[in-house]
Amino acid sequence: MKQQRVAVLGLGKIGNILLQGLLKAGLPPGNAVATVRHPERAQALGKERPIPVGTDNRAAARGADVVIIAVKPQNVRELLEEIRADVTPAQLVISVAASVPTAFIENLLATPTPVVRAMPNTPSQVGAGMTGICRGKHATDAHLDTARRLFDTVGRTVVVDEKHMDAVTGLSASGPAFVYIILESLAEAGVKVGLPRDIATVLSAQTLLGAAKVQLDTGDHPALLKDMVTTPAGCTIDGILELEEGKLRVTLIKAVVKATQRAKELMFEK
């Protein structure tokens, strides 16, 4: 990525996270440019970052090897219609707009341009993100590899079929919010059993982090890891019985299913 020229069209939360990840990974500031809608916002962001931030999407797209579309799903059509005359098949367009299919983007561009669709999540801001990517009909393995290396700068990346992208949104993009509720609940439980709140919160957060790292490092099934913690007639099994009685498992499943269904609707809203 260090040799690529990158344009981030829509320097919002995710756009900014990706830009910071690329710069931290070694992308020269001179190889990056970003845009926002309003001039005053562009001026303010330009003072905070080592790259130019403007409002001219066409100029930004014209000079880039990789064009990252980071606007809201409802604004993708307007942006593509604005830049379509300046995008060529020699460029790679990467969209992080939830629910927007690659075919929608391809059909609005004037030429058969390589498109990769991606769904990163907010833990990318600390280099612990999870991103699902898929490619459109004009993207090659090389284009997909370029996108993968881009998102690897802010965490882990998996390649999926496009039919699974809304599920990626419902699981890993919405998932951090579900985990924060679990973290908060564990911390509240710590307070309930007598721990100071700050200590209970650290204990909860590090426990979640550690448990996730064990699974990622070992590749073991979560059920096997759970059994390793659960000793016969111990305290953990009593806690697990409470979780099962409270239907935590089915509630989390239903939350992901509902978020996935909602993800399919986002681009059609005004």
Protein backbone atom coordinates (compact mmCIF):
# COMPACT_ATOMS: atom_id res chain seq x y z
CA MET A 1 0.00 0.00 0.00
CA LYS A 2 2.95 2.36 0.47
CA GLN A 3 3.18 2.92 -3.29
CA GLN A 4 -0.55 3.49 -3.80
CA ARG A 5 -2.28 6.84 -3.95
CA VAL A 6 -5.41 6.68 -1.82
CA ALA A 7 -8.47 8.92 -1.78
CA VAL A 8 -10.94 8.64 1.11
CA LEU A 9 -14.24 10.12 -0.01
CA GLY A 10 -16.13 10.79 3.20
CA LEU A 11 -13.81 11.36 6.13
CA GLY A 12 -16.26 10.28 8.82
CA LYS A 13 -15.68 7.75 11.58
CA ILE A 14 -14.75 4.74 9.46
CA GLY A 15 -12.99 6.79 6.79
CA ASN A 16 -10.82 8.44 9.42
CA ILE A 17 -10.03 5.10 11.09
CA LEU A 18 -8.89 3.61 7.78
CA LEU A 19 -6.83 6.66 6.91
CA GLN A 20 -5.06 6.65 10.27
CA GLY A 21 -4.37 2.93 9.92
CA LEU A 22 -2.83 3.40 6.49
CA LEU A 23 -0.67 6.29 7.62
CA LYS A 24 0.49 4.34 10.67
CA ALA A 25 1.33 1.39 8.40
CA GLY A 26 3.60 3.61 6.33
CA LEU A 27 1.50 5.22 3.63
CA PRO A 28 3.23 8.53 2.86
CA PRO A 29 0.96 11.49 3.70
CA GLY A 30 1.67 12.81 0.22
CA ASN A 31 -0.04 9.74 -1.23
CA ALA A 32 -3.34 10.37 0.54
CA VAL A 33 -6.20 12.81 0.19
CA ALA A 34 -9.63 12.98 1.80
CA THR A 35 -12.91 14.79 1.28
CA VAL A 36 -15.92 15.89 3.30
CA ARG A 37 -19.13 17.64 2.30
CA HIS A 38 -18.72 21.02 4.01
CA PRO A 39 -15.80 23.48 3.48
CA GLU A 40 -15.59 24.50 7.15
CA ARG A 41 -15.31 20.86 8.16
CA ALA A 42 -12.62 20.29 5.53
CA GLN A 43 -10.66 23.26 6.83
CA ALA A 44 -10.85 22.03 10.43
CA LEU A 45 -9.84 18.46 9.57
CA GLY A 46 -7.05 19.66 7.32
CA LYS A 47 -5.44 21.43 10.26
CA GLU A 48 -5.53 18.24 12.34
CA ARG A 49 -4.11 15.84 9.75
CA PRO A 50 -0.94 15.68 7.67
CA ILE A 51 -2.91 15.23 4.43
CA PRO A 52 -5.05 17.57 2.34
CA VAL A 53 -8.77 17.50 3.13
CA GLY A 54 -11.13 19.16 0.69
CA THR A 55 -14.62 19.02 -0.79
CA ASP A 56 -13.78 18.24 -4.44
CA ASN A 57 -14.57 14.55 -4.82
CA ARG A 58 -13.82 14.54 -8.53
CA ALA A 59 -10.29 15.88 -8.10
CA ALA A 60 -9.60 13.48 -5.26
CA ALA A 61 -10.81 10.47 -7.24
CA ARG A 62 -8.99 11.54 -10.39
CA GLY A 63 -5.57 11.39 -8.76
CA ALA A 64 -5.97 8.13 -6.85
CA ASP A 65 -5.07 4.49 -7.44
CA VAL A 66 -7.52 3.41 -4.73
CA VAL A 67 -10.79 5.27 -4.16
CA ILE A 68 -12.45 4.51 -0.82
CA ILE A 69 -16.15 5.31 -0.67
CA ALA A 70 -16.88 6.01 2.99
CA VAL A 71 -20.11 8.00 2.83
CA LYS A 72 -23.47 6.87 4.22
CA PRO A 73 -25.31 4.23 2.16
CA GLN A 74 -28.02 6.73 1.23
CA ASN A 75 -25.40 9.08 -0.28
CA VAL A 76 -23.54 6.56 -2.42
CA ARG A 77 -25.59 7.16 -5.57
CA GLU A 78 -25.05 10.92 -5.43
CA LEU A 79 -21.31 10.48 -4.92
CA LEU A 80 -20.93 7.97 -7.75
CA GLU A 81 -22.86 10.18 -10.15
CA GLU A 82 -20.50 13.01 -9.22
CA ILE A 83 -17.24 11.10 -9.79
CA ARG A 84 -18.20 8.62 -12.50
CA ALA A 85 -16.52 10.59 -15.30
CA ASP A 86 -13.25 10.63 -13.34
CA VAL A 87 -13.03 6.95 -12.39
CA THR A 88 -11.28 4.54 -14.75
CA PRO A 89 -10.72 0.76 -14.95
CA ALA A 90 -7.12 1.38 -13.86
CA GLN A 91 -8.36 2.33 -10.40
CA LEU A 92 -9.76 0.24 -7.56
CA VAL A 93 -12.96 1.39 -5.87
CA ILE A 94 -13.48 0.12 -2.32
CA SER A 95 -16.83 0.77 -0.67
CA VAL A 96 -17.39 0.56 3.09
CA ALA A 97 -21.02 1.68 2.77
CA ALA A 98 -23.21 -0.90 4.49
CA SER A 99 -25.81 -2.73 2.36
CA VAL A 100 -24.66 -1.28 -0.99
CA PRO A 101 -24.00 -4.14 -3.49
CA THR A 102 -21.01 -4.10 -5.81
CA ALA A 103 -23.36 -4.33 -8.80
CA PHE A 104 -25.04 -1.07 -7.76
CA ILE A 105 -21.67 0.68 -7.76
CA GLU A 106 -20.53 -0.93 -11.02
CA ASN A 107 -23.73 0.06 -12.80
CA LEU A 108 -23.33 3.71 -11.83
CA LEU A 109 -19.71 3.98 -12.98
CA ALA A 110 -19.07 4.89 -16.60
CA THR A 111 -16.52 2.12 -17.22
CA PRO A 112 -16.04 -1.50 -16.03
CA THR A 113 -14.13 -0.57 -12.89
CA PRO A 114 -12.89 -3.04 -10.25
CA VAL A 115 -15.00 -2.77 -7.10
CA VAL A 116 -14.47 -4.35 -3.69
CA ARG A 117 -17.10 -4.12 -0.98
CA ALA A 118 -15.95 -4.09 2.63
CA MET A 119 -17.48 -3.97 6.10
CA PRO A 120 -15.00 -3.00 8.85
CA ASN A 121 -15.97 -2.39 12.46
CA THR A 122 -15.10 0.27 15.02
CA PRO A 123 -12.42 -1.68 16.95
CA SER A 124 -10.34 -0.92 13.86
CA GLN A 125 -9.51 2.36 15.64
CA VAL A 126 -7.19 0.43 17.99
CA GLY A 127 -5.88 -2.01 15.38
CA ALA A 128 -8.21 -4.78 16.54
CA GLY A 129 -10.81 -4.50 13.80
CA MET A 130 -12.63 -7.20 11.89
CA THR A 131 -13.42 -6.62 8.22
CA GLY A 132 -15.29 -8.76 5.74
CA ILE A 133 -14.59 -8.12 2.05
CA CYS A 134 -15.95 -9.39 -1.26
CA ARG A 135 -15.25 -8.50 -4.86
CA GLY A 136 -17.39 -7.35 -7.75
CA LYS A 137 -17.38 -8.89 -11.20
CA HIS A 138 -14.49 -6.76 -12.52
CA ALA A 139 -12.16 -7.19 -9.55
CA THR A 140 -9.29 -9.68 -9.78
CA ASP A 141 -7.43 -11.62 -7.12
CA ALA A 142 -4.85 -8.81 -7.15
CA HIS A 143 -7.52 -6.21 -6.42
CA LEU A 144 -8.88 -8.33 -3.59
CA ASP A 145 -5.37 -8.69 -2.19
CA THR A 146 -4.88 -4.93 -2.29
CA ALA A 147 -8.09 -4.45 -0.32
CA ARG A 148 -7.13 -7.17 2.14
CA ARG A 149 -3.76 -5.55 2.80
CA LEU A 150 -5.47 -2.20 3.31
CA PHE A 151 -7.82 -3.54 5.98
CA ASP A 152 -5.12 -5.68 7.56
CA THR A 153 -3.56 -2.40 8.70
CA VAL A 154 -6.42 -2.01 11.19
CA GLY A 155 -7.03 -5.64 12.24
CA ARG A 156 -8.07 -8.93 10.65
CA THR A 157 -9.71 -9.46 7.27
CA VAL A 158 -11.79 -12.30 5.85
CA VAL A 159 -12.96 -12.81 2.27
CA VAL A 160 -16.59 -13.86 1.85
CA ASP A 161 -19.14 -14.23 -0.93
CA GLU A 162 -21.18 -11.09 -1.39
CA LYS A 163 -24.36 -12.85 -0.31
CA HIS A 164 -22.85 -12.98 3.20
CA MET A 165 -21.96 -9.28 3.51
CA ASP A 166 -25.15 -8.26 5.32
CA ALA A 167 -24.48 -11.07 7.81
CA VAL A 168 -20.98 -9.68 8.33
CA THR A 169 -22.60 -6.32 9.08
CA GLY A 170 -25.01 -7.87 11.57
CA LEU A 171 -22.33 -9.92 13.31
CA SER A 172 -18.97 -8.14 13.37
CA ALA A 173 -20.01 -4.55 12.58
CA SER A 174 -22.91 -4.47 15.04
CA GLY A 175 -21.31 -7.02 17.36
CA PRO A 176 -19.10 -4.62 19.34
CA ALA A 177 -22.23 -2.91 20.69
CA PHE A 178 -23.55 -6.28 21.89
CA VAL A 179 -20.20 -7.05 23.51
CA TYR A 180 -20.16 -3.67 25.27
CA ILE A 181 -23.52 -4.54 26.83
CA ILE A 182 -22.04 -7.84 28.04
CA LEU A 183 -18.95 -6.01 29.35
CA GLU A 184 -21.10 -3.46 31.16
CA SER A 185 -23.24 -6.23 32.65
CA LEU A 186 -20.21 -8.14 33.90
CA ALA A 187 -18.84 -4.97 35.47
CA GLU A 188 -22.20 -4.28 37.15
CA ALA A 189 -22.14 -7.84 38.47
CA GLY A 190 -18.69 -7.19 39.89
CA VAL A 191 -20.02 -4.16 41.70
CA LYS A 192 -22.94 -6.25 42.97
CA VAL A 193 -20.56 -8.74 44.58
CA GLY A 194 -18.48 -6.00 46.19
CA LEU A 195 -15.79 -4.90 43.73
CA PRO A 196 -14.97 -1.22 43.11
CA ARG A 197 -16.41 -0.19 39.74
CA ASP A 198 -13.09 0.65 38.10
CA ILE A 199 -11.59 -2.69 39.08
CA ALA A 200 -14.74 -4.56 38.03
CA THR A 201 -14.62 -2.87 34.62
CA VAL A 202 -10.95 -3.74 34.02
CA LEU A 203 -11.53 -7.31 35.15
CA SER A 204 -14.47 -7.61 32.75
CA ALA A 205 -12.75 -6.03 29.75
CA GLN A 206 -9.53 -8.00 30.11
CA THR A 207 -11.49 -11.23 30.62
CA LEU A 208 -13.36 -10.67 27.35
CA LEU A 209 -10.14 -9.74 25.56
CA GLY A 210 -8.30 -12.76 26.94
CA ALA A 211 -11.08 -15.21 26.12
CA ALA A 212 -11.28 -13.93 22.54
CA LYS A 213 -7.50 -14.14 22.13
CA VAL A 214 -7.43 -17.75 23.33
CA GLN A 215 -9.98 -18.72 20.69
CA LEU A 216 -8.19 -16.83 17.91
CA ASP A 217 -4.78 -18.22 18.88
CA THR A 218 -5.88 -21.84 19.37
CA GLY A 219 -8.70 -22.10 16.85
CA ASP A 220 -10.56 -24.32 19.32
CA HIS A 221 -14.36 -24.42 19.30
CA PRO A 222 -15.84 -22.07 21.90
CA ALA A 223 -17.74 -24.98 23.48
CA LEU A 224 -14.46 -26.82 24.10
CA LEU A 225 -12.90 -23.72 25.67
CA LYS A 226 -15.97 -23.26 27.84
CA ASP A 227 -15.66 -26.84 29.07
CA MET A 228 -12.02 -26.23 29.98
CA VAL A 229 -13.11 -23.50 32.41
CA THR A 230 -16.07 -25.43 33.79
CA THR A 231 -14.95 -27.84 36.52
CA PRO A 232 -17.32 -30.48 37.96
CA ALA A 233 -19.50 -29.12 40.75
CA GLY A 234 -17.63 -25.79 40.55
CA CYS A 235 -18.90 -22.24 40.59
CA THR A 236 -18.74 -21.72 36.80
CA ILE A 237 -21.42 -24.29 35.99
CA ASP A 238 -23.82 -22.55 38.35
CA GLY A 239 -23.21 -19.30 36.47
CA ILE A 240 -23.72 -21.03 33.13
CA LEU A 241 -27.05 -22.44 34.30
CA GLU A 242 -28.17 -18.89 35.10
CA LEU A 243 -27.15 -17.73 31.61
CA GLU A 244 -29.09 -20.57 30.01
CA GLU A 245 -32.13 -19.86 32.12
CA GLY A 246 -31.93 -16.20 31.10
CA LYS A 247 -31.73 -17.20 27.43
CA LEU A 248 -28.55 -15.23 26.80
CA ARG A 249 -27.55 -17.56 23.97
CA VAL A 250 -30.79 -17.27 21.99
CA THR A 251 -31.02 -13.52 22.67
CA LEU A 252 -27.59 -12.90 21.14
CA ILE A 253 -28.49 -15.04 18.13
CA LYS A 254 -31.70 -13.07 17.64
CA ALA A 255 -29.79 -9.78 17.96
CA VAL A 256 -27.43 -10.72 15.11
CA VAL A 257 -30.32 -11.96 12.95
CA LYS A 258 -32.24 -8.71 13.52
CA ALA A 259 -29.20 -6.55 12.79
CA THR A 260 -28.55 -8.53 9.59
CA GLN A 261 -32.12 -7.99 8.43
CA ARG A 262 -31.82 -4.29 9.16
CA ALA A 263 -28.55 -4.05 7.22
CA LYS A 264 -30.39 -5.00 4.02
CA GLU A 265 -32.55 -1.88 4.30
CA LEU A 266 -30.02 0.89 4.94
CA MET A 267 -29.29 2.05 1.39
CA PHE A 268 -32.96 2.56 0.61
CA GLU A 269 -33.56 5.16 3.33
CA LYS A 270 -33.51 8.89 2.78
